[in-house]
Amino acid sequence: MHIRILDKYIFREVTMTFIFGICAFSAVFIGSGTLFRISQYITDYGASFSSVVKIFVLGLPSIVIWTFPMSMLLAVLLTFGRLSSSSEITAMKSCGIGFSRLAMPAIILGIGVSIFAILFNEYVVPQANSMYSNVLYYEIQHNTQPKSQDHIILKSIKDGKIQQLIYARRYDGEKNEMQGVTMQDYGTEGNVKRVETAEYATWDGKGWLLHDGVIYDVAEDGQENHRMRFDTQKLPVDTSPTQIVREQKKPEELTMKELREQIDIMRTQFVDTNKLEAELYQRVTVPMASLIFALVGIPLGLQPARNSSSKGFALSVLIIFCYYSIMTLANAIARAGTISPMIAVWIPNIIGLIAGCYLMKRASR
C-alpha cells in the first residue's frame, strides 16, 4: 500500500514537471521562431487574422513533438533533484526502498511518453504540416500557379492494389510540364506488365501528352520485350497541374507508411532516398529520446551535490545541447550516405542508452 502511494507521488511530481517543461520549451520555440515568421507574413503578404491563427495552431504539433524529450529530461532532473535535496530520497531508502523501485514510475512515464510521441508524430504532425503548407502557400502568399517541385508521384489504386504508377523527376511550374516521366502498369499479382518512359509531358488544358518516349512490355521473368519508340503519346491522366502539385507532399507531411511507399517507388527510379530514410527513422528515434533522457536524468538527479533547480535546469540544457548536436551531425551523415541512414540516425539514442544504463547501474550500487 505504501509503495503504491509512493509510486503515485513520484509519478505525479514527474508528470507535473513534464507538463511544465512542454509549456516552457514550446514558449521558447514559439517566441524565437513562430512569432517571427508570423510577423513576416503580416508585413510581407498582409496575412489576415484568420490565416495567422491557422498558421499558429497548425505549427504547434511540429514544435511540441521536439519538446517531449527535453521536458522528460527536465522533469526527472528537477523532481529527483528536489527529492534528494530535501532528504526525501534518504528517508525512502531508510525504509528499504531500493533505487530501481524509486526510478520505476519515471521510467514507466518515459515509456508512455515515447509511445504517445510516436503515435502523435504519425497521426497528427504530418496532417498539421500539410495543412500549414496549404494555408501558407495559397491563403497567405496568394499563389494561384502550381509551384515547381521534384519527385512527382501519382498512383491509381483499386481494391487495395496499385494499378498504375506515374513518376516524374520534376514538375516545372513555369513551363507547365513534367520532366523525366515513367508510367508503370501493374498486373493482378502486383508485378509490372508495361512501362512507358518519356523525356517530358506537357499539359494542353485537357490532358497530358508524353513526348520522345519508349513503350515496352515486361515478361514474367522481368525482361523487357516489344520495345517501341514514340514521338507523342497521350498520358491516361486528366489531373490538372494544380491538382497534381496539391497532392504531392513534403517528407515532413508524410506518415511513416507513406514515407516507406515513396522510398520504394523512388528506389525503382534509382533516385537517392537517404533524405527520406533519415526522416523515416527519425520518426521513431526522436520520440524514443524521452525514455533515453529519463534513464540519463534519474541518476543525475539523485546526485547529492545538486541541490537547486537552477543547477538541474542548467544540466538539462547541457545534455539537450549535446544530444541534439550529435543528432544533427548523425542526420547529416545519414543524408550524405556516408553510412546507412538507419544506423546513423540511431547513433544519438545508442550513445544515450549506453550512458543511461551506465549511470543507472552506478546509482543502484
Protein backbone atom coordinates (compact mmCIF):
# COMPACT_ATOMS: atom_id res chain seq x y z
CA MET A 1 0.00 0.00 0.00
CA HIS A 2 2.78 2.43 0.93
CA ILE A 3 4.64 1.51 -2.24
CA ARG A 4 1.59 2.36 -4.35
CA ILE A 5 1.26 5.73 -2.62
CA LEU A 6 4.96 6.37 -3.24
CA ASP A 7 4.60 5.42 -6.93
CA LYS A 8 1.68 7.80 -7.35
CA TYR A 9 3.59 10.55 -5.57
CA ILE A 10 6.72 10.27 -7.76
CA PHE A 11 4.63 9.77 -10.90
CA ARG A 12 2.55 12.87 -10.16
CA GLU A 13 5.59 15.02 -9.42
CA VAL A 14 7.37 13.97 -12.62
CA THR A 15 4.21 14.39 -14.70
CA MET A 16 3.51 17.91 -13.44
CA THR A 17 7.09 19.00 -14.10
CA PHE A 18 6.93 17.32 -17.52
CA ILE A 19 3.84 19.36 -18.47
CA PHE A 20 5.58 22.50 -17.22
CA GLY A 21 8.57 21.63 -19.41
CA ILE A 22 6.40 21.25 -22.52
CA CYS A 23 4.85 24.67 -21.92
CA ALA A 24 8.22 26.29 -21.18
CA PHE A 25 10.14 24.84 -24.14
CA SER A 26 7.21 25.38 -26.52
CA ALA A 27 7.05 29.02 -25.46
CA VAL A 28 10.76 29.38 -26.25
CA PHE A 29 10.34 27.87 -29.73
CA ILE A 30 7.22 29.92 -30.44
CA GLY A 31 8.86 33.13 -29.29
CA SER A 32 12.08 32.56 -31.21
CA GLY A 33 10.62 31.19 -34.45
CA THR A 34 6.86 31.06 -34.96
CA LEU A 35 6.02 34.60 -33.92
CA PHE A 36 8.86 35.97 -36.02
CA ARG A 37 7.59 34.13 -39.11
CA ILE A 38 4.02 35.27 -38.45
CA SER A 39 5.17 38.89 -38.25
CA GLN A 40 6.91 38.42 -41.61
CA TYR A 41 3.73 37.02 -43.16
CA ILE A 42 1.74 40.01 -41.90
CA THR A 43 4.35 42.50 -43.11
CA ASP A 44 5.19 40.90 -46.48
CA TYR A 45 1.84 39.43 -47.52
CA GLY A 46 -0.74 41.21 -45.38
CA ALA A 47 -1.90 37.93 -43.84
CA SER A 48 -5.40 38.04 -42.38
CA PHE A 49 -6.15 37.37 -38.72
CA SER A 50 -7.82 34.03 -39.51
CA SER A 51 -4.81 32.89 -41.55
CA VAL A 52 -2.43 33.91 -38.77
CA VAL A 53 -4.46 31.92 -36.22
CA LYS A 54 -4.43 28.87 -38.52
CA ILE A 55 -0.67 29.13 -39.00
CA PHE A 56 -0.11 29.44 -35.26
CA VAL A 57 -2.30 26.45 -34.35
CA LEU A 58 -1.09 24.22 -37.19
CA GLY A 59 2.53 24.97 -36.33
CA LEU A 60 2.19 23.79 -32.73
CA PRO A 61 2.31 19.98 -33.28
CA SER A 62 5.69 20.12 -35.07
CA ILE A 63 7.04 22.18 -32.16
CA VAL A 64 5.55 20.14 -29.34
CA ILE A 65 6.96 16.84 -30.66
CA TRP A 66 10.51 18.16 -30.17
CA THR A 67 9.78 19.29 -26.60
CA PHE A 68 8.79 15.84 -25.30
CA PRO A 69 12.37 14.54 -24.78
CA MET A 70 13.55 17.89 -23.39
CA SER A 71 10.64 18.07 -20.98
CA MET A 72 11.17 14.49 -19.80
CA LEU A 73 14.82 15.20 -19.00
CA LEU A 74 13.95 18.41 -17.19
CA ALA A 75 11.16 16.67 -15.26
CA VAL A 76 13.28 13.81 -13.89
CA LEU A 77 16.23 16.07 -13.10
CA LEU A 78 14.15 18.62 -11.20
CA THR A 79 11.91 16.06 -9.48
CA PHE A 80 14.62 13.72 -8.26
CA GLY A 81 16.93 16.64 -7.54
CA ARG A 82 14.29 18.18 -5.25
CA LEU A 83 13.55 14.85 -3.57
CA SER A 84 17.26 14.32 -2.99
CA SER A 85 17.97 17.82 -1.67
CA SER A 86 15.02 17.66 0.75
CA SER A 87 16.26 14.28 2.07
CA GLU A 88 13.09 12.52 0.91
CA ILE A 89 15.18 10.04 -1.07
CA THR A 90 17.20 9.29 2.07
CA ALA A 91 14.00 8.68 4.03
CA MET A 92 12.68 6.36 1.32
CA LYS A 93 15.92 4.36 1.25
CA SER A 94 15.88 4.07 5.05
CA CYS A 95 12.52 2.33 4.68
CA GLY A 96 14.16 -0.30 2.49
CA ILE A 97 13.06 1.08 -0.87
CA GLY A 98 15.75 0.45 -3.47
CA PHE A 99 16.90 2.73 -6.28
CA SER A 100 15.24 0.69 -9.04
CA ARG A 101 11.90 0.93 -7.22
CA LEU A 102 12.24 4.71 -6.90
CA ALA A 103 13.11 5.04 -10.58
CA MET A 104 10.31 2.80 -11.87
CA PRO A 105 7.50 5.44 -12.03
CA ALA A 106 9.69 7.81 -14.07
CA ILE A 107 10.82 5.01 -16.40
CA ILE A 108 7.20 3.94 -16.98
CA LEU A 109 6.29 7.54 -17.73
CA GLY A 110 9.23 7.75 -20.16
CA ILE A 111 8.00 4.64 -21.97
CA GLY A 112 4.45 6.01 -22.09
CA VAL A 113 5.59 9.40 -23.42
CA SER A 114 7.75 7.73 -26.09
CA ILE A 115 4.84 5.59 -27.33
CA PHE A 116 2.47 8.57 -27.31
CA ALA A 117 5.04 10.70 -29.16
CA ILE A 118 5.45 8.08 -31.90
CA LEU A 119 1.67 7.96 -32.42
CA PHE A 120 1.44 11.77 -32.27
CA ASN A 121 4.26 12.01 -34.80
CA GLU A 122 2.44 9.59 -37.10
CA TYR A 123 -1.18 10.74 -36.99
CA VAL A 124 -1.12 14.43 -36.01
CA VAL A 125 2.12 16.11 -37.08
CA PRO A 126 2.09 15.16 -40.81
CA GLN A 127 -1.51 16.33 -41.29
CA ALA A 128 -0.83 19.57 -39.42
CA ASN A 129 2.29 20.21 -41.53
CA SER A 130 0.37 19.59 -44.75
CA MET A 131 -2.43 21.98 -43.75
CA TYR A 132 0.18 24.54 -42.64
CA SER A 133 1.83 24.46 -46.10
CA ASN A 134 -1.50 24.88 -47.88
CA VAL A 135 -2.54 27.84 -45.72
CA LEU A 136 0.85 29.49 -46.23
CA TYR A 137 1.09 28.95 -49.98
CA TYR A 138 -2.50 29.56 -51.06
CA GLU A 139 -4.12 31.76 -48.36
CA ILE A 140 -1.21 33.92 -47.21
CA GLN A 141 1.12 34.07 -50.22
CA HIS A 142 -1.90 34.03 -52.59
CA ASN A 143 -0.21 31.76 -55.12
CA THR A 144 -2.56 30.53 -57.83
CA GLN A 145 0.00 28.89 -60.09
CA PRO A 146 1.23 25.41 -59.12
CA LYS A 147 4.77 25.54 -57.79
CA SER A 148 7.74 23.73 -59.28
CA GLN A 149 8.93 20.71 -57.32
CA ASP A 150 10.85 17.47 -57.59
CA HIS A 151 9.62 13.87 -57.44
CA ILE A 152 6.00 13.87 -58.61
CA ILE A 153 4.20 10.60 -57.79
CA LEU A 154 0.70 9.66 -58.96
CA LYS A 155 -0.87 6.31 -58.07
CA SER A 156 -4.04 4.55 -59.20
CA ILE A 157 -5.19 2.04 -56.57
CA LYS A 158 -8.12 -0.38 -56.82
CA ASP A 159 -9.19 -2.84 -54.11
CA GLY A 160 -6.05 -2.02 -52.15
CA LYS A 161 -3.76 -2.93 -55.06
CA ILE A 162 -1.81 -0.50 -57.19
CA GLN A 163 -2.94 -0.49 -60.83
CA GLN A 164 -0.81 2.28 -62.25
CA LEU A 165 2.13 4.34 -61.07
CA ILE A 166 3.38 7.57 -62.66
CA TYR A 167 6.66 9.12 -61.56
CA ALA A 168 8.12 12.40 -62.81
CA ARG A 169 11.59 13.54 -61.83
CA ARG A 170 10.42 17.17 -61.71
CA TYR A 171 7.44 19.40 -62.38
CA ASP A 172 8.30 22.78 -63.92
CA GLY A 173 5.67 25.33 -62.91
CA GLU A 174 6.78 27.92 -65.47
CA LYS A 175 6.65 25.57 -68.46
CA ASN A 176 3.69 23.60 -67.11
CA GLU A 177 5.42 20.31 -67.83
CA MET A 178 6.62 17.18 -66.08
CA GLN A 179 10.17 16.05 -66.85
CA GLY A 180 11.63 12.55 -66.79
CA VAL A 181 8.28 10.73 -66.77
CA THR A 182 7.84 6.99 -66.16
CA MET A 183 4.49 5.18 -66.17
CA GLN A 184 4.16 1.58 -64.95
CA ASP A 185 1.07 -0.61 -65.40
CA TYR A 186 0.70 -3.45 -62.90
CA GLY A 187 -0.89 -6.88 -63.28
CA THR A 188 -3.29 -8.61 -60.89
CA GLU A 189 -0.38 -10.14 -58.96
CA GLY A 190 1.27 -6.75 -58.39
CA ASN A 191 4.04 -7.22 -60.94
CA VAL A 192 4.90 -4.65 -63.62
CA LYS A 193 3.38 -5.54 -67.01
CA ARG A 194 4.02 -2.43 -69.10
CA VAL A 195 6.32 0.57 -68.90
CA GLU A 196 6.29 3.91 -70.69
CA THR A 197 9.09 6.44 -70.33
CA ALA A 198 9.27 9.93 -71.83
CA GLU A 199 11.58 12.91 -71.78
CA TYR A 200 8.76 15.20 -70.72
CA ALA A 201 4.97 15.61 -70.62
CA THR A 202 3.03 18.79 -71.37
CA TRP A 203 -0.44 19.94 -70.27
CA ASP A 204 -2.68 21.07 -73.13
CA GLY A 205 -5.57 22.24 -70.96
CA LYS A 206 -7.44 18.93 -71.16
CA GLY A 207 -4.82 16.26 -70.60
CA TRP A 208 -1.14 15.33 -70.58
CA LEU A 209 0.90 14.47 -73.65
CA LEU A 210 4.10 12.44 -73.42
CA HIS A 211 6.95 13.38 -75.77
CA ASP A 212 10.01 11.48 -77.03
CA GLY A 213 9.43 8.23 -75.24
CA VAL A 214 9.62 4.46 -75.25
CA ILE A 215 7.00 1.77 -74.56
CA TYR A 216 7.86 -1.81 -73.69
CA ASP A 217 6.18 -4.83 -72.14
CA VAL A 218 7.71 -6.71 -69.22
CA ALA A 219 7.77 -10.51 -69.29
CA GLU A 220 7.23 -12.78 -66.30
CA ASP A 221 10.98 -13.11 -65.79
CA GLY A 222 11.36 -9.30 -65.61
CA GLN A 223 12.91 -8.97 -69.08
CA GLU A 224 11.58 -6.34 -71.47
CA ASN A 225 10.16 -7.10 -74.91
CA HIS A 226 8.16 -5.48 -77.72
CA ARG A 227 10.07 -2.23 -77.40
CA MET A 228 8.64 0.71 -79.39
CA ARG A 229 9.55 4.38 -79.61
CA PHE A 230 7.06 7.23 -79.99
CA ASP A 231 7.10 10.99 -80.58
CA THR A 232 3.82 11.82 -78.84
CA GLN A 233 1.59 9.69 -76.64
CA LYS A 234 -1.41 10.62 -74.51
CA LEU A 235 -0.93 10.03 -70.80
CA PRO A 236 -4.08 8.40 -69.33
CA VAL A 237 -4.35 11.03 -66.59
CA ASP A 238 -6.60 14.09 -66.73
CA THR A 239 -5.50 15.53 -63.39
CA SER A 240 -4.61 19.22 -63.78
CA PRO A 241 -1.18 20.58 -62.78
CA THR A 242 -2.73 22.36 -59.78
CA GLN A 243 -4.33 19.14 -58.53
CA ILE A 244 -1.15 17.15 -59.09
CA VAL A 245 1.02 19.59 -57.15
CA ARG A 246 -1.51 19.81 -54.32
CA GLU A 247 -1.48 16.03 -53.97
CA GLN A 248 2.30 15.97 -53.56
CA LYS A 249 3.65 16.19 -50.04
CA LYS A 250 6.93 17.14 -48.46
CA PRO A 251 8.70 14.46 -46.35
CA GLU A 252 7.51 16.09 -43.12
CA GLU A 253 3.91 15.88 -44.38
CA LEU A 254 4.03 12.11 -44.96
CA THR A 255 3.18 9.37 -42.47
CA MET A 256 5.69 6.59 -41.90
CA LYS A 257 3.67 4.27 -44.17
CA GLU A 258 3.64 6.89 -46.93
CA LEU A 259 7.36 7.50 -46.47
CA ARG A 260 8.12 3.80 -46.90
CA GLU A 261 5.98 3.66 -50.05
CA GLN A 262 7.69 6.74 -51.51
CA ILE A 263 11.13 5.32 -50.71
CA ASP A 264 10.24 2.07 -52.51
CA ILE A 265 8.94 3.99 -55.55
CA MET A 266 11.96 6.27 -55.76
CA ARG A 267 14.34 3.32 -55.47
CA THR A 268 12.77 1.79 -58.59
CA GLN A 269 13.68 5.04 -60.36
CA PHE A 270 17.27 4.93 -59.00
CA VAL A 271 16.74 8.14 -57.01
CA ASP A 272 18.76 8.85 -53.84
CA THR A 273 16.48 8.13 -50.86
CA ASN A 274 18.88 8.91 -47.99
CA LYS A 275 16.96 12.05 -47.01
CA LEU A 276 13.64 10.22 -46.87
CA GLU A 277 15.15 7.29 -44.97
CA ALA A 278 16.64 9.65 -42.38
CA GLU A 279 13.24 11.31 -41.99
CA LEU A 280 11.57 7.91 -41.61
CA TYR A 281 13.88 6.64 -38.86
CA GLN A 282 13.77 9.96 -37.01
CA ARG A 283 10.02 9.47 -36.61
CA VAL A 284 10.97 6.80 -34.05
CA THR A 285 14.33 7.95 -32.68
CA VAL A 286 13.21 11.44 -31.60
CA PRO A 287 10.17 10.18 -29.62
CA MET A 288 12.29 7.38 -28.11
CA ALA A 289 14.64 10.02 -26.74
CA SER A 290 12.06 10.64 -23.99
CA LEU A 291 12.85 7.23 -22.50
CA ILE A 292 16.59 7.72 -23.06
CA PHE A 293 16.51 11.07 -21.25
CA ALA A 294 14.58 9.50 -18.37
CA LEU A 295 17.31 6.89 -17.93
CA VAL A 296 20.02 9.56 -18.03
CA GLY A 297 18.20 12.11 -15.86
CA ILE A 298 17.15 9.90 -12.94
CA PRO A 299 20.64 9.02 -11.64
CA LEU A 300 21.92 12.55 -12.35
CA GLY A 301 19.01 13.99 -10.41
CA LEU A 302 19.96 11.93 -7.37
CA GLN A 303 23.49 13.34 -7.19
CA PRO A 304 23.87 14.84 -3.68
CA ALA A 305 25.93 17.76 -4.99
CA ARG A 306 22.96 19.11 -6.92
CA ASN A 307 20.68 20.88 -4.53
CA SER A 308 18.92 23.51 -6.60
CA SER A 309 16.51 23.64 -9.50
CA SER A 310 18.75 26.09 -11.34
CA LYS A 311 21.55 23.50 -11.49
CA GLY A 312 19.05 20.91 -12.72
CA PHE A 313 17.86 23.23 -15.44
CA ALA A 314 21.42 24.09 -16.47
CA LEU A 315 22.37 20.39 -16.61
CA SER A 316 19.30 19.59 -18.70
CA VAL A 317 20.19 22.34 -21.18
CA LEU A 318 23.76 20.98 -21.46
CA ILE A 319 22.58 17.40 -22.06
CA ILE A 320 19.95 18.56 -24.58
CA PHE A 321 22.56 20.58 -26.44
CA CYS A 322 24.93 17.59 -26.63
CA TYR A 323 22.17 15.21 -27.76
CA TYR A 324 20.79 17.46 -30.49
CA SER A 325 24.30 18.35 -31.68
CA ILE A 326 25.07 14.65 -32.14
CA MET A 327 21.66 14.14 -33.74
CA THR A 328 22.26 16.95 -36.25
CA LEU A 329 25.67 15.52 -37.16
CA ALA A 330 24.27 12.00 -37.47
CA ASN A 331 21.42 13.27 -39.65
CA ALA A 332 23.90 14.99 -41.96
CA ILE A 333 25.92 11.77 -42.20
CA ALA A 334 22.74 9.82 -42.99
CA ARG A 335 21.68 12.20 -45.75
CA ALA A 336 25.17 12.19 -47.26
CA GLY A 337 25.06 8.39 -47.40
CA THR A 338 28.41 8.01 -45.62
CA ILE A 339 26.87 5.19 -43.57
CA SER A 340 23.44 3.58 -43.57
CA PRO A 341 20.72 6.15 -42.63
CA MET A 342 19.18 3.70 -40.17
CA ILE A 343 22.47 3.27 -38.29
CA ALA A 344 23.40 6.96 -38.45
CA VAL A 345 20.05 8.23 -37.14
CA TRP A 346 20.13 5.81 -34.20
CA ILE A 347 23.63 6.91 -33.08
CA PRO A 348 22.44 9.60 -30.58
CA ASN A 349 19.99 7.19 -28.94
CA ILE A 350 22.55 4.41 -28.75
CA ILE A 351 25.04 6.75 -27.06
CA GLY A 352 22.31 7.99 -24.71
CA LEU A 353 21.17 4.45 -23.89
CA ILE A 354 24.71 3.34 -23.05
CA ALA A 355 25.24 6.42 -20.87
CA GLY A 356 21.85 5.96 -19.19
CA CYS A 357 22.42 2.27 -18.41
CA TYR A 358 25.87 3.04 -17.00
CA LEU A 359 24.57 5.84 -14.78
CA MET A 360 21.59 3.74 -13.62
CA LYS A 361 23.86 0.83 -12.75
CA ARG A 362 26.28 3.06 -10.86
CA ALA A 363 23.48 4.79 -8.96
CA SER A 364 21.91 1.46 -7.93
CA ARG A 365 25.06 0.33 -6.10
